[in-house]
Amino acid sequence: MNEAQILMVMSNAPDKASAHALARMLVETKLVACVNILPGVQSVYRWHGQIEQADEVTLLIKTTRQQYAELQQTLVSAHPYDVPELIAWPITEGYAPYLQWVAAETTSDKHA
């Protein structure tokens, strides 16, 4: 298997249109292999001292550790939130052909 460390990255968007735009941009630039868009998420959080509640759309993003820094910069720059949620965790197990596909899709020529 390719030695690339595969990551699962999570972010939330305020609506489906934003989520789809972010997902398409990330896949087109080959920073990520795939983005799952999960609508209907309810978030409760504290923001500027107030407890807030929002309907959001979750993005589950598959990429590699090698792409993470550029992914973060790109997503934060394009995201509609001032402070977007962006967390990542390593994938320690998975179906080898799928993990190889993720690695291959994120190491090809950019912007191809």
PDB file of N, CA and C in Angstrom:
ATOM      1  N   MET A   1       0.830  -1.184   0.000  1.00  0.00           N
ATOM      2  CA  MET A   1       0.000   0.000   0.000  1.00  0.00           C
ATOM      3  C   MET A   1       0.868   1.238   0.000  1.00  0.00           C
ATOM      4  N   ASN A   2       0.393   2.297  -0.608  1.00  0.00           N
ATOM      5  CA  ASN A   2       1.064   3.580  -0.579  1.00  0.00           C
ATOM      6  C   ASN A   2       1.266   3.999   0.868  1.00  0.00           C
ATOM      7  N   GLU A   3       2.407   4.611   1.160  1.00  0.00           N
ATOM      8  CA  GLU A   3       2.718   5.002   2.526  1.00  0.00           C
ATOM      9  C   GLU A   3       2.037   6.294   2.952  1.00  0.00           C
ATOM     10  N   ALA A   4       1.211   6.879   2.109  1.00  0.00           N
ATOM     11  CA  ALA A   4       0.517   8.112   2.464  1.00  0.00           C
ATOM     12  C   ALA A   4      -0.387   7.871   3.665  1.00  0.00           C
ATOM     13  N   GLN A   5      -0.359   8.811   4.605  1.00  0.00           N
ATOM     14  CA  GLN A   5      -1.266   8.743   5.751  1.00  0.00           C
ATOM     15  C   GLN A   5      -2.599   9.337   5.334  1.00  0.00           C
ATOM     16  N   ILE A   6      -3.635   8.526   5.339  1.00  0.00           N
ATOM     17  CA  ILE A   6      -4.967   8.982   4.956  1.00  0.00           C
ATOM     18  C   ILE A   6      -5.618   9.660   6.159  1.00  0.00           C
ATOM     19  N   LEU A   7      -6.291  10.772   5.897  1.00  0.00           N
ATOM     20  CA  LEU A   7      -7.006  11.513   6.930  1.00  0.00           C
ATOM     21  C   LEU A   7      -8.486  11.597   6.597  1.00  0.00           C
ATOM     22  N   MET A   8      -9.303  11.600   7.637  1.00  0.00           N
ATOM     23  CA  MET A   8     -10.709  11.975   7.535  1.00  0.00           C
ATOM     24  C   MET A   8     -10.779  13.374   8.143  1.00  0.00           C
ATOM     25  N   VAL A   9     -11.297  14.307   7.377  1.00  0.00           N
ATOM     26  CA  VAL A   9     -11.401  15.695   7.819  1.00  0.00           C
ATOM     27  C   VAL A   9     -12.880  16.041   7.881  1.00  0.00           C
ATOM     28  N   MET A  10     -13.268  16.779   8.908  1.00  0.00           N
ATOM     29  CA  MET A  10     -14.662  17.177   9.044  1.00  0.00           C
ATOM     30  C   MET A  10     -14.766  18.690   9.100  1.00  0.00           C
ATOM     31  N   SER A  11     -15.774  19.199   8.413  1.00  0.00           N
ATOM     32  CA  SER A  11     -16.104  20.616   8.471  1.00  0.00           C
ATOM     33  C   SER A  11     -17.615  20.733   8.349  1.00  0.00           C
ATOM     34  N   ASN A  12     -18.149  21.871   8.730  1.00  0.00           N
ATOM     35  CA  ASN A  12     -19.575  22.140   8.572  1.00  0.00           C
ATOM     36  C   ASN A  12     -19.761  23.389   7.732  1.00  0.00           C
ATOM     37  N   ALA A  13     -20.841  23.427   6.991  1.00  0.00           N
ATOM     38  CA  ALA A  13     -21.207  24.586   6.176  1.00  0.00           C
ATOM     39  C   ALA A  13     -22.615  25.022   6.581  1.00  0.00           C
ATOM     40  N   PRO A  14     -22.969  26.278   6.288  1.00  0.00           N
ATOM     41  CA  PRO A  14     -24.281  26.769   6.704  1.00  0.00           C
ATOM     42  C   PRO A  14     -25.447  26.242   5.875  1.00  0.00           C
ATOM     43  N   ASP A  15     -25.166  25.747   4.662  1.00  0.00           N
ATOM     44  CA  ASP A  15     -26.251  25.297   3.785  1.00  0.00           C
ATOM     45  C   ASP A  15     -25.698  24.364   2.712  1.00  0.00           C
ATOM     46  N   LYS A  16     -26.626  23.713   1.987  1.00  0.00           N
ATOM     47  CA  LYS A  16     -26.220  22.751   0.948  1.00  0.00           C
ATOM     48  C   LYS A  16     -25.432  23.415  -0.168  1.00  0.00           C
ATOM     49  N   ALA A  17     -25.826  24.611  -0.576  1.00  0.00           N
ATOM     50  CA  ALA A  17     -25.126  25.282  -1.679  1.00  0.00           C
ATOM     51  C   ALA A  17     -23.667  25.532  -1.322  1.00  0.00           C
ATOM     52  N   SER A  18     -23.410  26.027  -0.127  1.00  0.00           N
ATOM     53  CA  SER A  18     -22.030  26.259   0.319  1.00  0.00           C
ATOM     54  C   SER A  18     -21.266  24.947   0.398  1.00  0.00           C
ATOM     55  N   ALA A  19     -21.904  23.923   0.947  1.00  0.00           N
ATOM     56  CA  ALA A  19     -21.252  22.622   1.083  1.00  0.00           C
ATOM     57  C   ALA A  19     -20.869  22.052  -0.279  1.00  0.00           C
ATOM     58  N   HIS A  20     -21.786  22.122  -1.237  1.00  0.00           N
ATOM     59  CA  HIS A  20     -21.499  21.597  -2.578  1.00  0.00           C
ATOM     60  C   HIS A  20     -20.395  22.402  -3.261  1.00  0.00           C
ATOM     61  N   ALA A  21     -20.403  23.715  -3.101  1.00  0.00           N
ATOM     62  CA  ALA A  21     -19.364  24.550  -3.715  1.00  0.00           C
ATOM     63  C   ALA A  21     -17.995  24.228  -3.126  1.00  0.00           C
ATOM     64  N   LEU A  22     -17.918  24.100  -1.815  1.00  0.00           N
ATOM     65  CA  LEU A  22     -16.648  23.758  -1.173  1.00  0.00           C
ATOM     66  C   LEU A  22     -16.177  22.374  -1.605  1.00  0.00           C
ATOM     67  N   ALA A  23     -17.086  21.403  -1.616  1.00  0.00           N
ATOM     68  CA  ALA A  23     -16.725  20.032  -1.993  1.00  0.00           C
ATOM     69  C   ALA A  23     -16.192  19.972  -3.414  1.00  0.00           C
ATOM     70  N   ARG A  24     -16.894  20.598  -4.336  1.00  0.00           N
ATOM     71  CA  ARG A  24     -16.479  20.571  -5.738  1.00  0.00           C
ATOM     72  C   ARG A  24     -15.100  21.221  -5.903  1.00  0.00           C
ATOM     73  N   MET A  25     -14.886  22.363  -5.254  1.00  0.00           N
ATOM     74  CA  MET A  25     -13.604  23.049  -5.351  1.00  0.00           C
ATOM     75  C   MET A  25     -12.468  22.157  -4.844  1.00  0.00           C
ATOM     76  N   LEU A  26     -12.681  21.499  -3.715  1.00  0.00           N
ATOM     77  CA  LEU A  26     -11.632  20.665  -3.133  1.00  0.00           C
ATOM     78  C   LEU A  26     -11.320  19.451  -3.998  1.00  0.00           C
ATOM     79  N   VAL A  27     -12.335  18.835  -4.579  1.00  0.00           N
ATOM     80  CA  VAL A  27     -12.107  17.681  -5.456  1.00  0.00           C
ATOM     81  C   VAL A  27     -11.457  18.130  -6.762  1.00  0.00           C
ATOM     82  N   GLU A  28     -11.938  19.238  -7.334  1.00  0.00           N
ATOM     83  CA  GLU A  28     -11.368  19.721  -8.600  1.00  0.00           C
ATOM     84  C   GLU A  28      -9.892  20.055  -8.474  1.00  0.00           C
ATOM     85  N   THR A  29      -9.475  20.586  -7.332  1.00  0.00           N
ATOM     86  CA  THR A  29      -8.071  20.952  -7.141  1.00  0.00           C
ATOM     87  C   THR A  29      -7.212  19.776  -6.691  1.00  0.00           C
ATOM     88  N   LYS A  30      -7.827  18.611  -6.539  1.00  0.00           N
ATOM     89  CA  LYS A  30      -7.143  17.376  -6.142  1.00  0.00           C
ATOM     90  C   LYS A  30      -6.503  17.458  -4.759  1.00  0.00           C
ATOM     91  N   LEU A  31      -7.045  18.344  -3.928  1.00  0.00           N
ATOM     92  CA  LEU A  31      -6.613  18.365  -2.535  1.00  0.00           C
ATOM     93  C   LEU A  31      -7.253  17.226  -1.760  1.00  0.00           C
ATOM     94  N   VAL A  32      -8.377  16.728  -2.268  1.00  0.00           N
ATOM     95  CA  VAL A  32      -9.105  15.647  -1.612  1.00  0.00           C
ATOM     96  C   VAL A  32      -9.563  14.647  -2.662  1.00  0.00           C
ATOM     97  N   ALA A  33      -9.822  13.432  -2.219  1.00  0.00           N
ATOM     98  CA  ALA A  33     -10.326  12.408  -3.135  1.00  0.00           C
ATOM     99  C   ALA A  33     -11.848  12.406  -3.187  1.00  0.00           C
ATOM    100  N   CYS A  34     -12.477  12.692  -2.053  1.00  0.00           N
ATOM    101  CA  CYS A  34     -13.928  12.560  -1.956  1.00  0.00           C
ATOM    102  C   CYS A  34     -14.444  13.413  -0.808  1.00  0.00           C
ATOM    103  N   VAL A  35     -15.646  13.943  -0.984  1.00  0.00           N
ATOM    104  CA  VAL A  35     -16.336  14.654   0.096  1.00  0.00           C
ATOM    105  C   VAL A  35     -17.757  14.110   0.182  1.00  0.00           C
ATOM    106  N   ASN A  36     -18.129  13.618   1.346  1.00  0.00           N
ATOM    107  CA  ASN A  36     -19.521  13.238   1.601  1.00  0.00           C
ATOM    108  C   ASN A  36     -20.217  14.441   2.215  1.00  0.00           C
ATOM    109  N   ILE A  37     -21.409  14.744   1.722  1.00  0.00           N
ATOM    110  CA  ILE A  37     -22.179  15.891   2.190  1.00  0.00           C
ATOM    111  C   ILE A  37     -23.389  15.359   2.946  1.00  0.00           C
ATOM    112  N   LEU A  38     -23.455  15.688   4.223  1.00  0.00           N
ATOM    113  CA  LEU A  38     -24.493  15.173   5.109  1.00  0.00           C
ATOM    114  C   LEU A  38     -25.361  16.324   5.612  1.00  0.00           C
ATOM    115  N   PRO A  39     -26.514  16.549   4.986  1.00  0.00           N
ATOM    116  CA  PRO A  39     -27.387  17.638   5.432  1.00  0.00           C
ATOM    117  C   PRO A  39     -28.154  17.256   6.699  1.00  0.00           C
ATOM    118  N   GLY A  40     -28.786  18.249   7.288  1.00  0.00           N
ATOM    119  CA  GLY A  40     -29.673  17.993   8.414  1.00  0.00           C
ATOM    120  C   GLY A  40     -29.001  17.897   9.766  1.00  0.00           C
ATOM    121  N   VAL A  41     -27.809  18.455   9.906  1.00  0.00           N
ATOM    122  CA  VAL A  41     -27.091  18.418  11.175  1.00  0.00           C
ATOM    123  C   VAL A  41     -27.534  19.601  12.035  1.00  0.00           C
ATOM    124  N   GLN A  42     -27.749  19.351  13.299  1.00  0.00           N
ATOM    125  CA  GLN A  42     -28.065  20.408  14.263  1.00  0.00           C
ATOM    126  C   GLN A  42     -26.837  20.622  15.138  1.00  0.00           C
ATOM    127  N   SER A  43     -26.364  21.856  15.217  1.00  0.00           N
ATOM    128  CA  SER A  43     -25.213  22.174  16.054  1.00  0.00           C
ATOM    129  C   SER A  43     -25.632  23.125  17.164  1.00  0.00           C
ATOM    130  N   VAL A  44     -25.122  22.877  18.363  1.00  0.00           N
ATOM    131  CA  VAL A  44     -25.318  23.760  19.508  1.00  0.00           C
ATOM    132  C   VAL A  44     -23.928  24.121  20.001  1.00  0.00           C
ATOM    133  N   TYR A  45     -23.659  25.416  20.156  1.00  0.00           N
ATOM    134  CA  TYR A  45     -22.313  25.872  20.490  1.00  0.00           C
ATOM    135  C   TYR A  45     -22.382  27.255  21.137  1.00  0.00           C
ATOM    136  N   ARG A  46     -21.289  27.634  21.770  1.00  0.00           N
ATOM    137  CA  ARG A  46     -21.173  28.964  22.347  1.00  0.00           C
ATOM    138  C   ARG A  46     -20.373  29.835  21.377  1.00  0.00           C
ATOM    139  N   TRP A  47     -20.904  31.012  21.058  1.00  0.00           N
ATOM    140  CA  TRP A  47     -20.231  31.932  20.142  1.00  0.00           C
ATOM    141  C   TRP A  47     -20.398  33.343  20.690  1.00  0.00           C
ATOM    142  N   HIS A  48     -19.281  33.998  20.957  1.00  0.00           N
ATOM    143  CA  HIS A  48     -19.276  35.353  21.519  1.00  0.00           C
ATOM    144  C   HIS A  48     -20.128  35.440  22.783  1.00  0.00           C
ATOM    145  N   GLY A  49     -19.986  34.427  23.639  1.00  0.00           N
ATOM    146  CA  GLY A  49     -20.656  34.428  24.927  1.00  0.00           C
ATOM    147  C   GLY A  49     -22.113  33.996  24.923  1.00  0.00           C
ATOM    148  N   GLN A  50     -22.652  33.692  23.768  1.00  0.00           N
ATOM    149  CA  GLN A  50     -24.053  33.290  23.657  1.00  0.00           C
ATOM    150  C   GLN A  50     -24.148  31.837  23.187  1.00  0.00           C
ATOM    151  N   ILE A  51     -25.117  31.118  23.704  1.00  0.00           N
ATOM    152  CA  ILE A  51     -25.360  29.763  23.208  1.00  0.00           C
ATOM    153  C   ILE A  51     -26.202  29.878  21.945  1.00  0.00           C
ATOM    154  N   GLU A  52     -25.702  29.281  20.891  1.00  0.00           N
ATOM    155  CA  GLU A  52     -26.331  29.341  19.569  1.00  0.00           C
ATOM    156  C   GLU A  52     -26.764  27.944  19.146  1.00  0.00           C
ATOM    157  N   GLN A  53     -27.706  27.900  18.237  1.00  0.00           N
ATOM    158  CA  GLN A  53     -28.135  26.644  17.614  1.00  0.00           C
ATOM    159  C   GLN A  53     -28.286  26.916  16.132  1.00  0.00           C
ATOM    160  N   ALA A  54     -27.804  25.986  15.307  1.00  0.00           N
ATOM    161  CA  ALA A  54     -27.861  26.204  13.863  1.00  0.00           C
ATOM    162  C   ALA A  54     -28.074  24.893  13.126  1.00  0.00           C
ATOM    163  N   ASP A  55     -28.788  24.976  12.013  1.00  0.00           N
ATOM    164  CA  ASP A  55     -28.858  23.876  11.058  1.00  0.00           C
ATOM    165  C   ASP A  55     -27.621  23.984  10.186  1.00  0.00           C
ATOM    166  N   GLU A  56     -26.906  22.887  10.032  1.00  0.00           N
ATOM    167  CA  GLU A  56     -25.688  22.900   9.234  1.00  0.00           C
ATOM    168  C   GLU A  56     -25.638  21.666   8.340  1.00  0.00           C
ATOM    169  N   VAL A  57     -24.663  21.681   7.456  1.00  0.00           N
ATOM    170  CA  VAL A  57     -24.396  20.570   6.553  1.00  0.00           C
ATOM    171  C   VAL A  57     -22.961  20.125   6.825  1.00  0.00           C
ATOM    172  N   THR A  58     -22.783  18.856   7.163  1.00  0.00           N
ATOM    173  CA  THR A  58     -21.452  18.336   7.475  1.00  0.00           C
ATOM    174  C   THR A  58     -20.767  17.825   6.217  1.00  0.00           C
ATOM    175  N   LEU A  59     -19.482  18.126   6.113  1.00  0.00           N
ATOM    176  CA  LEU A  59     -18.644  17.603   5.044  1.00  0.00           C
ATOM    177  C   LEU A  59     -17.657  16.618   5.663  1.00  0.00           C
ATOM    178  N   LEU A  60     -17.648  15.391   5.166  1.00  0.00           N
ATOM    179  CA  LEU A  60     -16.650  14.392   5.537  1.00  0.00           C
ATOM    180  C   LEU A  60     -15.695  14.285   4.361  1.00  0.00           C
ATOM    181  N   ILE A  61     -14.462  14.661   4.596  1.00  0.00           N
ATOM    182  CA  ILE A  61     -13.480  14.877   3.539  1.00  0.00           C
ATOM    183  C   ILE A  61     -12.368  13.842   3.669  1.00  0.00           C
ATOM    184  N   LYS A  62     -12.052  13.158   2.571  1.00  0.00           N
ATOM    185  CA  LYS A  62     -10.971  12.179   2.572  1.00  0.00           C
ATOM    186  C   LYS A  62      -9.773  12.736   1.810  1.00  0.00           C
ATOM    187  N   THR A  63      -8.616  12.754   2.491  1.00  0.00           N
ATOM    188  CA  THR A  63      -7.400  13.300   1.904  1.00  0.00           C
ATOM    189  C   THR A  63      -6.195  12.608   2.528  1.00  0.00           C
ATOM    190  N   THR A  64      -5.019  13.183   2.323  1.00  0.00           N
ATOM    191  CA  THR A  64      -3.795  12.662   2.926  1.00  0.00           C
ATOM    192  C   THR A  64      -3.163  13.731   3.812  1.00  0.00           C
ATOM    193  N   ARG A  65      -2.340  13.278   4.732  1.00  0.00           N
ATOM    194  CA  ARG A  65      -1.617  14.203   5.607  1.00  0.00           C
ATOM    195  C   ARG A  65      -0.789  15.187   4.770  1.00  0.00           C
ATOM    196  N   GLN A  66      -0.236  14.713   3.659  1.00  0.00           N
ATOM    197  CA  GLN A  66       0.590  15.569   2.810  1.00  0.00           C
ATOM    198  C   GLN A  66      -0.204  16.740   2.237  1.00  0.00           C
ATOM    199  N   GLN A  67      -1.490  16.582   2.058  1.00  0.00           N
ATOM    200  CA  GLN A  67      -2.332  17.631   1.474  1.00  0.00           C
ATOM    201  C   GLN A  67      -2.997  18.512   2.525  1.00  0.00           C
ATOM    202  N   TYR A  68      -2.885  18.149   3.797  1.00  0.00           N
ATOM    203  CA  TYR A  68      -3.685  18.825   4.813  1.00  0.00           C
ATOM    204  C   TYR A  68      -3.412  20.328   4.913  1.00  0.00           C
ATOM    205  N   ALA A  69      -2.177  20.747   4.928  1.00  0.00           N
ATOM    206  CA  ALA A  69      -1.877  22.180   5.100  1.00  0.00           C
ATOM    207  C   ALA A  69      -2.508  23.011   3.987  1.00  0.00           C
ATOM    208  N   GLU A  70      -2.372  22.546   2.744  1.00  0.00           N
ATOM    209  CA  GLU A  70      -2.969  23.278   1.624  1.00  0.00           C
ATOM    210  C   GLU A  70      -4.498  23.191   1.660  1.00  0.00           C
ATOM    211  N   LEU A  71      -5.021  22.041   2.048  1.00  0.00           N
ATOM    212  CA  LEU A  71      -6.467  21.894   2.219  1.00  0.00           C
ATOM    213  C   LEU A  71      -6.982  22.904   3.243  1.00  0.00           C
ATOM    214  N   GLN A  72      -6.310  22.995   4.372  1.00  0.00           N
ATOM    215  CA  GLN A  72      -6.735  23.934   5.415  1.00  0.00           C
ATOM    216  C   GLN A  72      -6.729  25.369   4.902  1.00  0.00           C
ATOM    217  N   GLN A  73      -5.646  25.769   4.275  1.00  0.00           N
ATOM    218  CA  GLN A  73      -5.544  27.134   3.754  1.00  0.00           C
ATOM    219  C   GLN A  73      -6.650  27.414   2.735  1.00  0.00           C
ATOM    220  N   THR A  74      -6.873  26.490   1.835  1.00  0.00           N
ATOM    221  CA  THR A  74      -7.878  26.663   0.784  1.00  0.00           C
ATOM    222  C   THR A  74      -9.289  26.709   1.362  1.00  0.00           C
ATOM    223  N   LEU A  75      -9.599  25.786   2.259  1.00  0.00           N
ATOM    224  CA  LEU A  75     -10.944  25.728   2.832  1.00  0.00           C
ATOM    225  C   LEU A  75     -11.238  26.960   3.685  1.00  0.00           C
ATOM    226  N   VAL A  76     -10.301  27.354   4.522  1.00  0.00           N
ATOM    227  CA  VAL A  76     -10.511  28.527   5.375  1.00  0.00           C
ATOM    228  C   VAL A  76     -10.702  29.781   4.525  1.00  0.00           C
ATOM    229  N   SER A  77      -9.938  29.914   3.449  1.00  0.00           N
ATOM    230  CA  SER A  77     -10.063  31.091   2.569  1.00  0.00           C
ATOM    231  C   SER A  77     -11.413  31.152   1.871  1.00  0.00           C
ATOM    232  N   ALA A  78     -11.962  30.003   1.509  1.00  0.00           N
ATOM    233  CA  ALA A  78     -13.205  29.961   0.733  1.00  0.00           C
ATOM    234  C   ALA A  78     -14.456  29.803   1.595  1.00  0.00           C
ATOM    235  N   HIS A  79     -14.291  29.478   2.852  1.00  0.00           N
ATOM    236  CA  HIS A  79     -15.428  29.139   3.712  1.00  0.00           C
ATOM    237  C   HIS A  79     -16.224  30.379   4.106  1.00  0.00           C
ATOM    238  N   PRO A  80     -17.559  30.278   4.162  1.00  0.00           N
ATOM    239  CA  PRO A  80     -18.371  31.432   4.554  1.00  0.00           C
ATOM    240  C   PRO A  80     -18.288  31.781   6.046  1.00  0.00           C
ATOM    241  N   TYR A  81     -17.839  30.861   6.895  1.00  0.00           N
ATOM    242  CA  TYR A  81     -17.735  31.153   8.329  1.00  0.00           C
ATOM    243  C   TYR A  81     -16.425  31.875   8.630  1.00  0.00           C
ATOM    244  N   ASP A  82     -16.443  32.744   9.645  1.00  0.00           N
ATOM    245  CA  ASP A  82     -15.221  33.413  10.107  1.00  0.00           C
ATOM    246  C   ASP A  82     -14.237  32.402  10.683  1.00  0.00           C
ATOM    247  N   VAL A  83     -14.753  31.449  11.443  1.00  0.00           N
ATOM    248  CA  VAL A  83     -13.930  30.416  12.074  1.00  0.00           C
ATOM    249  C   VAL A  83     -14.564  29.059  11.763  1.00  0.00           C
ATOM    250  N   PRO A  84     -14.268  28.511  10.588  1.00  0.00           N
ATOM    251  CA  PRO A  84     -14.888  27.231  10.233  1.00  0.00           C
ATOM    252  C   PRO A  84     -14.336  26.081  11.074  1.00  0.00           C
ATOM    253  N   GLU A  85     -15.219  25.156  11.380  1.00  0.00           N
ATOM    254  CA  GLU A  85     -14.764  23.920  12.014  1.00  0.00           C
ATOM    255  C   GLU A  85     -13.927  23.171  10.993  1.00  0.00           C
ATOM    256  N   LEU A  86     -12.759  22.747  11.416  1.00  0.00           N
ATOM    257  CA  LEU A  86     -11.892  21.961  10.545  1.00  0.00           C
ATOM    258  C   LEU A  86     -11.054  21.078  11.452  1.00  0.00           C
ATOM    259  N   ILE A  87     -11.444  19.808  11.540  1.00  0.00           N
ATOM    260  CA  ILE A  87     -10.718  18.859  12.372  1.00  0.00           C
ATOM    261  C   ILE A  87     -10.388  17.630  11.532  1.00  0.00           C
ATOM    262  N   ALA A  88      -9.300  16.982  11.892  1.00  0.00           N
ATOM    263  CA  ALA A  88      -8.855  15.818  11.118  1.00  0.00           C
ATOM    264  C   ALA A  88      -8.401  14.723  12.066  1.00  0.00           C
ATOM    265  N   TRP A  89      -8.611  13.494  11.630  1.00  0.00           N
ATOM    266  CA  TRP A  89      -8.079  12.372  12.374  1.00  0.00           C
ATOM    267  C   TRP A  89      -7.551  11.345  11.385  1.00  0.00           C
ATOM    268  N   PRO A  90      -6.485  10.632  11.793  1.00  0.00           N
ATOM    269  CA  PRO A  90      -5.878   9.646  10.899  1.00  0.00           C
ATOM    270  C   PRO A  90      -6.738   8.395  10.777  1.00  0.00           C
ATOM    271  N   ILE A  91      -6.730   7.831   9.599  1.00  0.00           N
ATOM    272  CA  ILE A  91      -7.393   6.555   9.352  1.00  0.00           C
ATOM    273  C   ILE A  91      -6.347   5.471   9.592  1.00  0.00           C
ATOM    274  N   THR A  92      -6.599   4.629  10.572  1.00  0.00           N
ATOM    275  CA  THR A  92      -5.621   3.594  10.919  1.00  0.00           C
ATOM    276  C   THR A  92      -5.911   2.256  10.255  1.00  0.00           C
ATOM    277  N   GLU A  93      -7.142   2.059   9.837  1.00  0.00           N
ATOM    278  CA  GLU A  93      -7.531   0.826   9.151  1.00  0.00           C
ATOM    279  C   GLU A  93      -8.521   1.175   8.058  1.00  0.00           C
ATOM    280  N   GLY A  94      -8.574   0.340   7.039  1.00  0.00           N
ATOM    281  CA  GLY A  94      -9.538   0.536   5.970  1.00  0.00           C
ATOM    282  C   GLY A  94      -9.265  -0.426   4.831  1.00  0.00           C
ATOM    283  N   TYR A  95     -10.180  -0.471   3.910  1.00  0.00           N
ATOM    284  CA  TYR A  95     -10.061  -1.331   2.737  1.00  0.00           C
ATOM    285  C   TYR A  95      -8.912  -0.811   1.875  1.00  0.00           C
ATOM    286  N   ALA A  96      -7.869  -1.598   1.723  1.00  0.00           N
ATOM    287  CA  ALA A  96      -6.634  -1.163   1.070  1.00  0.00           C
ATOM    288  C   ALA A  96      -6.859  -0.545  -0.311  1.00  0.00           C
ATOM    289  N   PRO A  97      -7.671  -1.142  -1.195  1.00  0.00           N
ATOM    290  CA  PRO A  97      -7.873  -0.514  -2.501  1.00  0.00           C
ATOM    291  C   PRO A  97      -8.482   0.894  -2.397  1.00  0.00           C
ATOM    292  N   TYR A  98      -9.378   1.101  -1.437  1.00  0.00           N
ATOM    293  CA  TYR A  98      -9.968   2.432  -1.263  1.00  0.00           C
ATOM    294  C   TYR A  98      -8.917   3.422  -0.768  1.00  0.00           C
ATOM    295  N   LEU A  99      -8.124   3.021   0.214  1.00  0.00           N
ATOM    296  CA  LEU A  99      -7.089   3.907   0.741  1.00  0.00           C
ATOM    297  C   LEU A  99      -6.057   4.242  -0.333  1.00  0.00           C
ATOM    298  N   GLN A 100      -5.732   3.269  -1.168  1.00  0.00           N
ATOM    299  CA  GLN A 100      -4.809   3.519  -2.278  1.00  0.00           C
ATOM    300  C   GLN A 100      -5.418   4.507  -3.267  1.00  0.00           C
ATOM    301  N   TRP A 101      -6.708   4.385  -3.510  1.00  0.00           N
ATOM    302  CA  TRP A 101      -7.403   5.317  -4.402  1.00  0.00           C
ATOM    303  C   TRP A 101      -7.345   6.734  -3.847  1.00  0.00           C
ATOM    304  N   VAL A 102      -7.600   6.897  -2.537  1.00  0.00           N
ATOM    305  CA  VAL A 102      -7.521   8.229  -1.920  1.00  0.00           C
ATOM    306  C   VAL A 102      -6.129   8.811  -2.124  1.00  0.00           C
ATOM    307  N   ALA A 103      -5.113   8.018  -1.860  1.00  0.00           N
ATOM    308  CA  ALA A 103      -3.740   8.495  -2.027  1.00  0.00           C
ATOM    309  C   ALA A 103      -3.456   8.870  -3.478  1.00  0.00           C
ATOM    310  N   ALA A 104      -3.890   8.039  -4.413  1.00  0.00           N
ATOM    311  CA  ALA A 104      -3.639   8.313  -5.837  1.00  0.00           C
ATOM    312  C   ALA A 104      -4.364   9.569  -6.303  1.00  0.00           C
ATOM    313  N   GLU A 105      -5.595   9.763  -5.861  1.00  0.00           N
ATOM    314  CA  GLU A 105      -6.379  10.925  -6.295  1.00  0.00           C
ATOM    315  C   GLU A 105      -5.848  12.240  -5.748  1.00  0.00           C
ATOM    316  N   THR A 106      -5.099  12.189  -4.670  1.00  0.00           N
ATOM    317  CA  THR A 106      -4.588  13.420  -4.070  1.00  0.00           C
ATOM    318  C   THR A 106      -3.119  13.664  -4.381  1.00  0.00           C
ATOM    319  N   THR A 107      -2.509  12.777  -5.165  1.00  0.00           N
ATOM    320  CA  THR A 107      -1.112  12.987  -5.539  1.00  0.00           C
ATOM    321  C   THR A 107      -0.936  13.157  -7.037  1.00  0.00           C
ATOM    322  N   SER A 108      -2.040  13.133  -7.783  1.00  0.00           N
ATOM    323  CA  SER A 108      -1.968  13.346  -9.229  1.00  0.00           C
ATOM    324  C   SER A 108      -1.645  14.806  -9.516  1.00  0.00           C
ATOM    325  N   ASP A 109      -1.387  15.104 -10.797  1.00  0.00           N
ATOM    326  CA  ASP A 109      -1.134  16.489 -11.182  1.00  0.00           C
ATOM    327  C   ASP A 109      -2.292  17.357 -10.738  1.00  0.00           C
ATOM    328  N   LYS A 110      -1.961  18.449 -10.064  1.00  0.00           N
ATOM    329  CA  LYS A 110      -2.992  19.378  -9.586  1.00  0.00           C
ATOM    330  C   LYS A 110      -3.650  20.079 -10.760  1.00  0.00           C
ATOM    331  N   HIS A 111      -4.910  20.407 -10.572  1.00  0.00           N
ATOM    332  CA  HIS A 111      -5.686  21.195 -11.532  1.00  0.00           C
ATOM    333  C   HIS A 111      -5.781  20.528 -12.895  1.00  0.00           C
ATOM    334  N   ALA A 112      -5.653  19.203 -12.930  1.00  0.00           N
ATOM    335  CA  ALA A 112      -5.731  18.487 -14.209  1.00  0.00           C
ATOM    336  C   ALA A 112      -7.158  18.371 -14.678  1.00  0.00           C
TER     337      ALA A 112
END
